[in-house]
Amino acid sequence: MKLMTLQWKGATAAARVDGERATVLERFADVGDVLRAGPTSAVAGIDGPVRNGLTTSFEVGLGGGARVGLILRQAVAERR
């Protein structure tokens, strides 16, 4: 996981970067705020099956409030 500080229109916000995707961490003004807060969150997720090059993920996060998300992303099927 990588962290970055975004700046736009005179405001800043911390973001978590996963690959090519950035998720804004709304309650943190910059990366320093995230690091000072310490490890206070947990995230769990379940990926669905790959169909037509897409998969769904359901994620739940706790820490500083609760978050629930449904994500649709590109994926390649794997055989086991």
C-alpha atoms as a PDB file:
ATOM      1  CA  MET A   1       0.000   0.000   0.000  1.00  0.00           C
ATOM      2  CA  LYS A   2       1.221   3.488  -0.844  1.00  0.00           C
ATOM      3  CA  LEU A   3      -0.002   6.779   0.596  1.00  0.00           C
ATOM      4  CA  MET A   4      -0.031  10.187  -1.059  1.00  0.00           C
ATOM      5  CA  THR A   5      -1.285  13.696  -0.355  1.00  0.00           C
ATOM      6  CA  LEU A   6      -3.564  15.190  -2.999  1.00  0.00           C
ATOM      7  CA  GLN A   7      -3.853  18.940  -3.404  1.00  0.00           C
ATOM      8  CA  TRP A   8      -6.574  20.734  -5.368  1.00  0.00           C
ATOM      9  CA  LYS A   9      -8.428  24.038  -5.099  1.00  0.00           C
ATOM     10  CA  GLY A  10      -6.454  25.048  -2.023  1.00  0.00           C
ATOM     11  CA  ALA A  11      -7.354  21.918  -0.033  1.00  0.00           C
ATOM     12  CA  THR A  12      -5.478  18.682   0.659  1.00  0.00           C
ATOM     13  CA  ALA A  13      -6.483  15.104   1.412  1.00  0.00           C
ATOM     14  CA  ALA A  14      -4.616  11.859   1.999  1.00  0.00           C
ATOM     15  CA  ALA A  15      -5.181   8.975  -0.418  1.00  0.00           C
ATOM     16  CA  ARG A  16      -4.308   5.286  -0.454  1.00  0.00           C
ATOM     17  CA  VAL A  17      -2.889   4.078  -3.792  1.00  0.00           C
ATOM     18  CA  ASP A  18      -3.425   0.475  -4.902  1.00  0.00           C
ATOM     19  CA  GLY A  19      -1.988  -0.100  -8.379  1.00  0.00           C
ATOM     20  CA  GLU A  20      -3.557   2.535 -10.617  1.00  0.00           C
ATOM     21  CA  ARG A  21      -6.417   3.291  -8.229  1.00  0.00           C
ATOM     22  CA  ALA A  22      -6.418   5.995  -5.530  1.00  0.00           C
ATOM     23  CA  THR A  23      -8.939   6.068  -2.674  1.00  0.00           C
ATOM     24  CA  VAL A  24      -9.300   9.367  -0.799  1.00  0.00           C
ATOM     25  CA  LEU A  25      -9.116   9.006   2.995  1.00  0.00           C
ATOM     26  CA  GLU A  26     -11.581  11.765   3.809  1.00  0.00           C
ATOM     27  CA  ARG A  27     -10.836  12.270   7.488  1.00  0.00           C
ATOM     28  CA  PHE A  28      -7.096  12.880   6.936  1.00  0.00           C
ATOM     29  CA  ALA A  29      -5.701  16.154   5.574  1.00  0.00           C
ATOM     30  CA  ASP A  30      -2.338  14.637   4.564  1.00  0.00           C
ATOM     31  CA  VAL A  31      -0.134  11.568   4.847  1.00  0.00           C
ATOM     32  CA  GLY A  32       1.290  12.818   8.157  1.00  0.00           C
ATOM     33  CA  ASP A  33      -2.200  12.653   9.724  1.00  0.00           C
ATOM     34  CA  VAL A  34      -2.578   9.035   8.553  1.00  0.00           C
ATOM     35  CA  LEU A  35       0.784   8.006  10.009  1.00  0.00           C
ATOM     36  CA  ARG A  36       0.113   9.746  13.326  1.00  0.00           C
ATOM     37  CA  ALA A  37      -3.271   7.982  13.639  1.00  0.00           C
ATOM     38  CA  GLY A  38      -1.526   4.598  13.663  1.00  0.00           C
ATOM     39  CA  PRO A  39      -2.987   1.259  12.684  1.00  0.00           C
ATOM     40  CA  THR A  40      -6.603   1.856  13.668  1.00  0.00           C
ATOM     41  CA  SER A  41      -8.426   0.321  10.728  1.00  0.00           C
ATOM     42  CA  ALA A  42      -9.169  -3.081   9.289  1.00  0.00           C
ATOM     43  CA  VAL A  43     -10.492  -4.056   5.873  1.00  0.00           C
ATOM     44  CA  ALA A  44     -11.931  -7.377   4.729  1.00  0.00           C
ATOM     45  CA  GLY A  45     -13.018  -8.271   1.213  1.00  0.00           C
ATOM     46  CA  ILE A  46     -14.442 -11.083  -0.871  1.00  0.00           C
ATOM     47  CA  ASP A  47     -13.828 -11.397  -4.620  1.00  0.00           C
ATOM     48  CA  GLY A  48     -16.469 -12.969  -6.820  1.00  0.00           C
ATOM     49  CA  PRO A  49     -15.919 -15.200  -9.849  1.00  0.00           C
ATOM     50  CA  VAL A  50     -14.416 -13.795 -13.054  1.00  0.00           C
ATOM     51  CA  ARG A  51     -16.922 -13.520 -15.910  1.00  0.00           C
ATOM     52  CA  ASN A  52     -16.324 -11.789 -19.242  1.00  0.00           C
ATOM     53  CA  GLY A  53     -13.081 -10.287 -17.924  1.00  0.00           C
ATOM     54  CA  LEU A  54     -14.777  -8.656 -14.912  1.00  0.00           C
ATOM     55  CA  THR A  55     -15.122  -9.535 -11.242  1.00  0.00           C
ATOM     56  CA  THR A  56     -16.977  -8.016  -8.310  1.00  0.00           C
ATOM     57  CA  SER A  57     -15.545  -7.431  -4.854  1.00  0.00           C
ATOM     58  CA  PHE A  58     -17.396  -6.695  -1.638  1.00  0.00           C
ATOM     59  CA  GLU A  59     -15.337  -4.855   0.984  1.00  0.00           C
ATOM     60  CA  VAL A  60     -15.996  -3.794   4.574  1.00  0.00           C
ATOM     61  CA  GLY A  61     -13.711  -1.414   6.463  1.00  0.00           C
ATOM     62  CA  LEU A  62     -13.682  -0.426  10.127  1.00  0.00           C
ATOM     63  CA  GLY A  63     -11.737   2.314  11.852  1.00  0.00           C
ATOM     64  CA  GLY A  64     -12.826   5.929  12.196  1.00  0.00           C
ATOM     65  CA  GLY A  65     -16.274   4.781  11.111  1.00  0.00           C
ATOM     66  CA  ALA A  66     -17.530   1.927   8.981  1.00  0.00           C
ATOM     67  CA  ARG A  67     -17.340   1.646   5.207  1.00  0.00           C
ATOM     68  CA  VAL A  68     -18.981  -0.817   2.849  1.00  0.00           C
ATOM     69  CA  GLY A  69     -18.163  -0.975  -0.851  1.00  0.00           C
ATOM     70  CA  LEU A  70     -19.015  -2.936  -3.963  1.00  0.00           C
ATOM     71  CA  ILE A  71     -16.299  -2.816  -6.615  1.00  0.00           C
ATOM     72  CA  LEU A  72     -16.391  -3.900 -10.262  1.00  0.00           C
ATOM     73  CA  ARG A  73     -12.947  -4.385 -11.798  1.00  0.00           C
ATOM     74  CA  GLN A  74     -11.129  -6.069 -14.666  1.00  0.00           C
ATOM     75  CA  ALA A  75      -9.678  -9.488 -13.939  1.00  0.00           C
ATOM     76  CA  VAL A  76      -8.241 -12.580 -15.589  1.00  0.00           C
ATOM     77  CA  ALA A  77      -9.649 -15.993 -14.659  1.00  0.00           C
ATOM     78  CA  GLU A  78      -7.191 -18.322 -12.918  1.00  0.00           C
ATOM     79  CA  ARG A  79      -7.349 -22.105 -12.921  1.00  0.00           C
ATOM     80  CA  ARG A  80      -6.458 -23.994  -9.754  1.00  0.00           C
END
